[in-house]
Amino acid sequence: MSVNTTVAANTLARGWTAHLEDYVASLAWSPDGELVATASVGGAIHVLWAAHGAERTPLTGHPGGALAVAWSHDGQALASGGTDGAVRSWDRSTGSGATVALGGGWVGDLAWSPRGAYLAAAVGRDVVILNGDMDPVDRWPDQPSTISSLVWTIDGRQVGAGCYGGVRWFEPGKDALHRDFAWKGSVLCLAMAGTGKWLASGNQDNSVHLWRLWSGDELEMAGYPLKVDHLEWHHSSRWLAVGNAEDVTVWDVSGKGPRGRRPKVLRGLTGKVTALTWQPAGDLLAAGSSDGDIVLWGSARASAPRSTVSLGSAISALAWSPDGTRLLAGTAAGQVTVVAV
């Protein structure tokens, strides 16, 4: 890994760049904004200083490919998963690490519960729950298909798993399925509104599905040109952004929801949307594209982009710093760059 620093004459100022081994599959800021974690499909896991990009700690990766990294809510633990069917953890205070072999397939997604008591792992077709000591405490095997995405309810009592046939909900400590949001297609991604009122799914059949928790009300926004695998909620939970083809559409989900409304289309990308993220406490929406551009819009109703910057390789992941002043971008060429907003 190498690091250099460049600045572009653009509204968005490029800071340090780290060159990793391969396609950047996942990025995550520590909650205090001091560290960033990266996972590459080559298998490497890196923890970098956010201020300058130098490596903080060399970590054991995942042979065959690393797919996900996730910080605990207190920022003291980092978890990673990969194609080796294992979850690895690193304790920031002690520097110690642990490996939990889970078997059953790739670990494609990780999600900490809101209070940090549990870590959920998508292991092939199984949902596995680990406690704070990284001991597996629950496992719900043989779901209808490989688990594509995990999401916790706001109170941390249930975890939802997206797969073929809808979203299946489980509660730690209980064997039985808690609830099933049945749907006829294959779910690719999940996004929970910050209020906990709505759950959105992006789907293989070019649609977005919305469920109101827990009334059972649901609706569908269909007609997208491609499968939908990029969803992001505004922190107010009023706006739901959807990245598809070369456009970002923003739905107004206030009141009784988007039924009968038309979305705002935010234009400005020339390549396919490959990453999407909303500023944690602001109104800036960032999208990355297959041609290496990052585009920022100033609001959910923006008529034109506020600013752009090009990194020269397809954007594979985006993540805002906790204070919303910096944007971390990963690329298909293994480049990790910080952009100051």
Protein backbone atom coordinates (compact mmCIF):
# COMPACT_ATOMS: atom_id res chain seq x y z
CA MET A 1 0.00 0.00 0.00
CA SER A 2 1.21 3.52 -0.82
CA VAL A 3 -0.08 7.01 -0.01
CA ASN A 4 0.22 10.33 -1.80
CA THR A 5 -1.44 13.73 -1.53
CA THR A 6 -2.94 15.78 -4.39
CA VAL A 7 -5.25 18.77 -4.68
CA ALA A 8 -7.50 19.44 -7.67
CA ALA A 9 -8.74 22.85 -8.77
CA ASN A 10 -12.38 21.99 -8.08
CA THR A 11 -15.06 22.81 -5.54
CA LEU A 12 -14.25 19.40 -4.09
CA ALA A 13 -10.67 19.29 -2.83
CA ARG A 14 -8.94 15.90 -3.12
CA GLY A 15 -6.81 15.07 -0.11
CA TRP A 16 -4.70 11.97 0.46
CA THR A 17 -4.93 8.88 -1.69
CA ALA A 18 -4.01 5.35 -0.60
CA HIS A 19 -3.35 2.69 -3.22
CA LEU A 20 -4.57 -0.74 -2.11
CA GLU A 21 -4.15 -4.12 -3.71
CA ASP A 22 -7.46 -4.54 -5.50
CA TYR A 23 -11.08 -3.43 -5.99
CA VAL A 24 -12.36 -1.66 -2.86
CA ALA A 25 -15.40 -3.63 -1.67
CA SER A 26 -16.22 -1.79 1.57
CA LEU A 27 -15.31 1.38 3.50
CA ALA A 28 -16.16 2.55 7.02
CA TRP A 29 -15.24 5.53 9.23
CA SER A 30 -14.74 5.00 12.94
CA PRO A 31 -17.45 6.89 14.90
CA ASP A 32 -14.92 9.48 16.13
CA GLY A 33 -13.72 10.13 12.57
CA GLU A 34 -10.07 9.37 13.37
CA LEU A 35 -9.75 6.07 11.49
CA VAL A 36 -11.05 4.51 8.30
CA ALA A 37 -11.29 0.80 7.53
CA THR A 38 -11.12 -0.67 4.05
CA ALA A 39 -11.75 -4.10 2.54
CA SER A 40 -10.55 -5.16 -0.90
CA VAL A 41 -11.55 -8.15 -2.99
CA GLY A 42 -7.91 -9.19 -2.92
CA GLY A 43 -8.53 -10.07 0.72
CA ALA A 44 -6.72 -7.25 2.52
CA ILE A 45 -8.11 -5.28 5.47
CA HIS A 46 -6.49 -1.93 6.22
CA VAL A 47 -7.06 0.54 9.08
CA LEU A 48 -5.80 4.00 8.09
CA TRP A 49 -5.43 7.31 9.86
CA ALA A 50 -8.16 9.55 8.43
CA ALA A 51 -5.98 12.67 8.69
CA HIS A 52 -3.28 11.52 6.26
CA GLY A 53 -3.99 7.97 5.07
CA ALA A 54 -1.02 6.23 6.69
CA GLU A 55 -1.67 2.73 7.99
CA ARG A 56 -2.62 2.58 11.67
CA THR A 57 -2.56 -1.19 12.10
CA PRO A 58 -1.83 -4.13 9.78
CA LEU A 59 -4.68 -6.62 10.07
CA THR A 60 -5.15 -10.19 8.95
CA GLY A 61 -7.28 -10.27 5.82
CA HIS A 62 -9.58 -12.87 4.27
CA PRO A 63 -8.01 -15.34 1.81
CA GLY A 64 -10.03 -15.25 -1.38
CA GLY A 65 -11.50 -11.81 -0.79
CA ALA A 66 -12.69 -9.36 1.88
CA LEU A 67 -16.26 -8.14 1.40
CA ALA A 68 -17.37 -6.09 4.41
CA VAL A 69 -16.06 -3.97 7.28
CA ALA A 70 -18.14 -2.52 10.13
CA TRP A 71 -17.20 -0.51 13.25
CA SER A 72 -19.01 -1.03 16.53
CA HIS A 73 -21.00 1.98 17.70
CA ASP A 74 -18.44 2.92 20.35
CA GLY A 75 -15.63 2.64 17.78
CA GLN A 76 -13.64 0.18 19.88
CA ALA A 77 -14.16 -2.88 17.68
CA LEU A 78 -13.87 -3.46 13.95
CA ALA A 79 -15.43 -6.51 12.32
CA SER A 80 -14.73 -7.82 8.84
CA GLY A 81 -16.11 -10.62 6.69
CA GLY A 82 -15.09 -12.34 3.49
CA THR A 83 -15.22 -15.28 1.14
CA ASP A 84 -13.48 -17.54 3.68
CA GLY A 85 -16.70 -17.79 5.71
CA ALA A 86 -15.10 -16.11 8.72
CA VAL A 87 -15.67 -12.97 10.78
CA ARG A 88 -12.50 -11.31 12.05
CA SER A 89 -12.52 -8.73 14.84
CA TRP A 90 -9.95 -6.20 16.02
CA ASP A 91 -9.96 -4.44 19.39
CA ARG A 92 -8.80 -0.85 18.99
CA SER A 93 -7.75 -0.47 22.62
CA THR A 94 -5.70 -3.63 23.01
CA GLY A 95 -4.72 -4.27 19.39
CA SER A 96 -5.78 -7.89 19.76
CA GLY A 97 -7.68 -9.76 17.10
CA ALA A 98 -9.88 -12.84 16.83
CA THR A 99 -11.24 -15.04 14.06
CA VAL A 100 -14.58 -16.82 14.14
CA ALA A 101 -15.02 -19.47 11.43
CA LEU A 102 -18.73 -19.64 10.62
CA GLY A 103 -18.82 -21.87 7.55
CA GLY A 104 -21.84 -22.01 5.30
CA GLY A 105 -20.67 -19.57 2.64
CA TRP A 106 -19.31 -16.08 2.12
CA VAL A 107 -19.81 -13.42 4.78
CA GLY A 108 -21.34 -10.82 2.49
CA ASP A 109 -22.75 -8.31 4.98
CA LEU A 110 -22.27 -7.27 8.61
CA ALA A 111 -24.51 -5.09 10.80
CA TRP A 112 -24.10 -4.06 14.45
CA SER A 113 -27.27 -3.68 16.47
CA PRO A 114 -28.06 -0.06 17.47
CA ARG A 115 -26.85 -0.51 21.05
CA GLY A 116 -23.89 -2.62 19.97
CA ALA A 117 -24.88 -5.75 21.89
CA TYR A 118 -24.91 -7.94 18.78
CA LEU A 119 -23.25 -8.28 15.40
CA ALA A 120 -25.35 -9.83 12.63
CA ALA A 121 -23.56 -11.62 9.80
CA ALA A 122 -24.96 -12.78 6.47
CA VAL A 123 -23.21 -16.13 5.91
CA GLY A 124 -24.39 -17.54 2.62
CA ARG A 125 -28.03 -18.47 3.24
CA ASP A 126 -27.68 -18.24 7.04
CA VAL A 127 -28.21 -15.35 9.44
CA VAL A 128 -25.76 -15.55 12.36
CA ILE A 129 -25.74 -13.42 15.53
CA LEU A 130 -22.53 -12.89 17.52
CA ASN A 131 -22.31 -11.25 20.94
CA GLY A 132 -19.81 -8.60 22.00
CA ASP A 133 -17.18 -11.27 22.65
CA MET A 134 -17.62 -12.55 19.07
CA ASP A 135 -19.25 -15.77 20.24
CA PRO A 136 -22.04 -17.05 17.93
CA VAL A 137 -25.26 -17.08 19.95
CA ASP A 138 -27.96 -17.55 17.29
CA ARG A 139 -28.16 -19.00 13.81
CA TRP A 140 -31.10 -19.20 11.43
CA PRO A 141 -30.01 -21.41 8.52
CA ASP A 142 -31.28 -22.23 5.06
CA GLN A 143 -33.10 -19.08 4.06
CA PRO A 144 -34.67 -19.10 0.56
CA SER A 145 -31.48 -17.74 -1.03
CA THR A 146 -28.14 -16.11 -0.24
CA ILE A 147 -28.69 -13.20 2.18
CA SER A 148 -28.09 -9.97 0.26
CA SER A 149 -28.47 -7.41 3.05
CA LEU A 150 -29.05 -7.07 6.80
CA VAL A 151 -30.79 -4.30 8.75
CA TRP A 152 -31.75 -3.84 12.42
CA THR A 153 -34.88 -2.25 13.78
CA ILE A 154 -34.24 1.05 15.55
CA ASP A 155 -34.74 -0.50 19.00
CA GLY A 156 -32.30 -3.32 18.17
CA ARG A 157 -34.77 -6.07 18.97
CA GLN A 158 -35.05 -7.66 15.51
CA VAL A 159 -32.78 -8.07 12.50
CA GLY A 160 -34.13 -8.24 8.96
CA ALA A 161 -32.54 -10.29 6.18
CA GLY A 162 -33.16 -9.57 2.52
CA CYS A 163 -33.26 -12.56 0.17
CA TYR A 164 -35.39 -14.16 -2.50
CA GLY A 165 -39.00 -13.94 -1.40
CA GLY A 166 -38.80 -10.74 0.66
CA VAL A 167 -37.48 -9.75 4.08
CA ARG A 168 -37.36 -12.22 6.96
CA TRP A 169 -37.21 -10.88 10.54
CA PHE A 170 -35.52 -12.65 13.46
CA GLU A 171 -35.18 -11.84 17.15
CA PRO A 172 -32.01 -12.82 19.07
CA GLY A 173 -32.75 -15.46 21.69
CA LYS A 174 -35.75 -16.89 19.81
CA ASP A 175 -35.70 -19.77 17.36
CA ALA A 176 -38.83 -19.03 15.38
CA LEU A 177 -39.15 -16.56 12.51
CA HIS A 178 -40.43 -13.31 14.03
CA ARG A 179 -42.14 -11.97 10.93
CA ASP A 180 -42.00 -12.38 7.18
CA PHE A 181 -42.38 -9.50 4.73
CA ALA A 182 -43.23 -11.79 1.85
CA TRP A 183 -42.65 -10.57 -1.67
CA LYS A 184 -42.44 -12.36 -4.98
CA GLY A 185 -38.99 -11.20 -6.11
CA SER A 186 -35.36 -11.12 -5.06
CA VAL A 187 -34.19 -8.39 -2.65
CA LEU A 188 -30.76 -6.89 -3.42
CA CYS A 189 -30.40 -4.20 -0.74
CA LEU A 190 -32.20 -2.86 2.33
CA ALA A 191 -32.34 0.61 3.91
CA MET A 192 -34.08 1.53 7.17
CA ALA A 193 -35.40 5.06 7.67
CA GLY A 194 -33.88 6.82 10.66
CA THR A 195 -37.28 7.08 12.33
CA GLY A 196 -37.76 3.34 12.02
CA LYS A 197 -41.08 3.95 10.25
CA TRP A 198 -40.19 2.70 6.78
CA LEU A 199 -38.07 -0.10 5.34
CA ALA A 200 -37.05 0.14 1.69
CA SER A 201 -35.72 -2.63 -0.53
CA GLY A 202 -34.06 -2.45 -3.94
CA ASN A 203 -34.93 -5.44 -6.09
CA GLN A 204 -33.79 -7.63 -8.95
CA ASP A 205 -36.93 -6.84 -11.00
CA ASN A 206 -36.06 -3.12 -11.37
CA SER A 207 -38.29 -1.95 -8.52
CA VAL A 208 -38.22 -0.39 -5.06
CA HIS A 209 -40.49 -1.79 -2.36
CA LEU A 210 -41.56 0.05 0.80
CA TRP A 211 -42.94 -1.48 3.99
CA ARG A 212 -44.35 0.52 6.88
CA LEU A 213 -43.20 -1.07 10.15
CA TRP A 214 -45.23 -2.83 11.55
CA SER A 215 -48.66 -2.08 10.11
CA GLY A 216 -48.14 -4.29 7.09
CA ASP A 217 -48.78 -1.44 4.64
CA GLU A 218 -46.58 -1.69 1.58
CA LEU A 219 -46.17 -0.16 -1.86
CA GLU A 220 -43.97 -0.52 -4.88
CA MET A 221 -42.20 1.92 -7.19
CA ALA A 222 -41.54 0.05 -10.42
CA GLY A 223 -40.27 0.88 -13.89
CA TYR A 224 -36.57 1.49 -13.25
CA PRO A 225 -34.37 0.59 -16.24
CA LEU A 226 -32.02 -1.66 -14.26
CA LYS A 227 -32.05 -3.75 -11.09
CA VAL A 228 -32.03 -1.51 -8.00
CA ASP A 229 -29.05 -1.98 -5.68
CA HIS A 230 -28.44 1.56 -4.33
CA LEU A 231 -30.80 3.11 -1.75
CA GLU A 232 -30.15 5.85 0.80
CA TRP A 233 -32.38 7.68 3.32
CA HIS A 234 -31.98 11.34 4.23
CA HIS A 235 -31.38 11.75 7.98
CA SER A 236 -34.85 13.32 8.33
CA SER A 237 -36.42 10.14 6.87
CA ARG A 238 -38.44 12.33 4.49
CA TRP A 239 -36.40 11.61 1.35
CA LEU A 240 -35.42 8.28 -0.16
CA ALA A 241 -32.74 8.43 -2.86
CA VAL A 242 -32.48 5.67 -5.47
CA GLY A 243 -29.50 5.29 -7.80
CA ASN A 244 -30.24 3.55 -11.07
CA ALA A 245 -28.65 3.73 -14.51
CA GLU A 246 -27.31 7.31 -14.96
CA ASP A 247 -29.90 8.97 -12.71
CA VAL A 248 -30.64 9.48 -9.04
CA THR A 249 -34.34 9.72 -8.17
CA VAL A 250 -35.52 11.16 -4.86
CA TRP A 251 -38.92 10.21 -3.43
CA ASP A 252 -40.83 12.29 -0.88
CA VAL A 253 -41.94 9.77 1.77
CA SER A 254 -43.45 12.29 4.21
CA GLY A 255 -46.95 11.88 5.61
CA LYS A 256 -48.64 8.79 4.25
CA GLY A 257 -45.78 8.00 1.89
CA PRO A 258 -44.97 8.42 -1.80
CA ARG A 259 -48.18 6.98 -3.25
CA GLY A 260 -49.46 9.31 -5.98
CA ARG A 261 -46.25 11.36 -6.08
CA ARG A 262 -43.55 11.58 -8.71
CA PRO A 263 -39.88 11.53 -7.77
CA LYS A 264 -37.41 14.32 -8.42
CA VAL A 265 -34.72 13.24 -10.90
CA LEU A 266 -31.22 14.52 -10.08
CA ARG A 267 -29.10 14.57 -13.21
CA GLY A 268 -25.41 15.19 -13.77
CA LEU A 269 -23.86 11.72 -14.01
CA THR A 270 -22.66 10.36 -17.33
CA GLY A 271 -21.97 6.83 -16.07
CA LYS A 272 -24.02 4.27 -14.17
CA VAL A 273 -24.59 4.97 -10.46
CA THR A 274 -22.30 2.68 -8.46
CA ALA A 275 -22.46 4.26 -4.98
CA LEU A 276 -24.83 6.59 -3.12
CA THR A 277 -24.64 8.28 0.29
CA TRP A 278 -26.34 11.16 2.09
CA GLN A 279 -24.53 13.57 4.43
CA PRO A 280 -25.10 12.42 8.04
CA ALA A 281 -26.73 15.62 9.32
CA GLY A 282 -26.88 17.81 6.20
CA ASP A 283 -28.53 17.93 2.81
CA LEU A 284 -25.66 16.97 0.50
CA LEU A 285 -26.22 13.82 -1.53
CA ALA A 286 -23.18 12.18 -3.14
CA ALA A 287 -23.20 9.62 -5.94
CA GLY A 288 -20.33 7.75 -7.56
CA SER A 289 -20.37 6.46 -11.11
CA SER A 290 -18.88 3.80 -13.33
CA ASP A 291 -16.79 6.42 -15.16
CA GLY A 292 -15.04 7.52 -11.96
CA ASP A 293 -16.97 10.71 -11.19
CA ILE A 294 -18.32 11.79 -7.81
CA VAL A 295 -21.27 14.21 -8.06
CA LEU A 296 -22.74 16.20 -5.18
CA TRP A 297 -26.20 17.75 -5.11
CA GLY A 298 -27.05 20.42 -2.54
CA SER A 299 -30.54 19.18 -1.67
CA ALA A 300 -33.20 16.60 -2.43
CA ARG A 301 -34.79 18.98 -4.95
CA ALA A 302 -31.62 20.25 -6.64
CA SER A 303 -31.97 21.14 -10.32
CA ALA A 304 -28.25 20.76 -11.05
CA PRO A 305 -25.16 19.31 -9.34
CA ARG A 306 -23.37 21.48 -6.83
CA SER A 307 -19.93 20.07 -7.61
CA THR A 308 -18.06 17.13 -9.13
CA VAL A 309 -14.66 15.51 -9.04
CA SER A 310 -13.21 12.64 -11.08
CA LEU A 311 -11.00 9.89 -9.66
CA GLY A 312 -10.31 8.19 -12.99
CA SER A 313 -11.65 4.74 -12.09
CA ALA A 314 -15.13 3.40 -11.36
CA ILE A 315 -16.33 4.37 -7.88
CA SER A 316 -16.98 1.21 -5.87
CA ALA A 317 -17.84 2.67 -2.44
CA LEU A 318 -18.56 6.01 -0.74
CA ALA A 319 -18.75 6.93 2.95
CA TRP A 320 -19.21 10.28 4.72
CA SER A 321 -17.13 11.17 7.74
CA PRO A 322 -19.24 11.35 10.94
CA ASP A 323 -19.13 15.17 10.90
CA GLY A 324 -20.09 15.33 7.22
CA THR A 325 -17.07 17.37 6.09
CA ARG A 326 -15.16 14.67 4.23
CA LEU A 327 -16.09 11.99 1.76
CA LEU A 328 -14.19 8.71 1.51
CA ALA A 329 -14.22 7.06 -1.90
CA GLY A 330 -13.02 3.65 -3.05
CA THR A 331 -12.48 2.65 -6.65
CA ALA A 332 -12.36 -0.48 -8.78
CA ALA A 333 -8.64 0.13 -9.27
CA GLY A 334 -7.95 -0.14 -5.53
CA GLN A 335 -7.68 3.57 -4.85
CA VAL A 336 -8.99 5.12 -1.60
CA THR A 337 -9.27 8.91 -1.64
CA VAL A 338 -10.52 11.50 0.83
CA VAL A 339 -12.43 14.44 -0.64
CA ALA A 340 -12.99 17.56 1.46
CA VAL A 341 -16.39 19.21 1.04
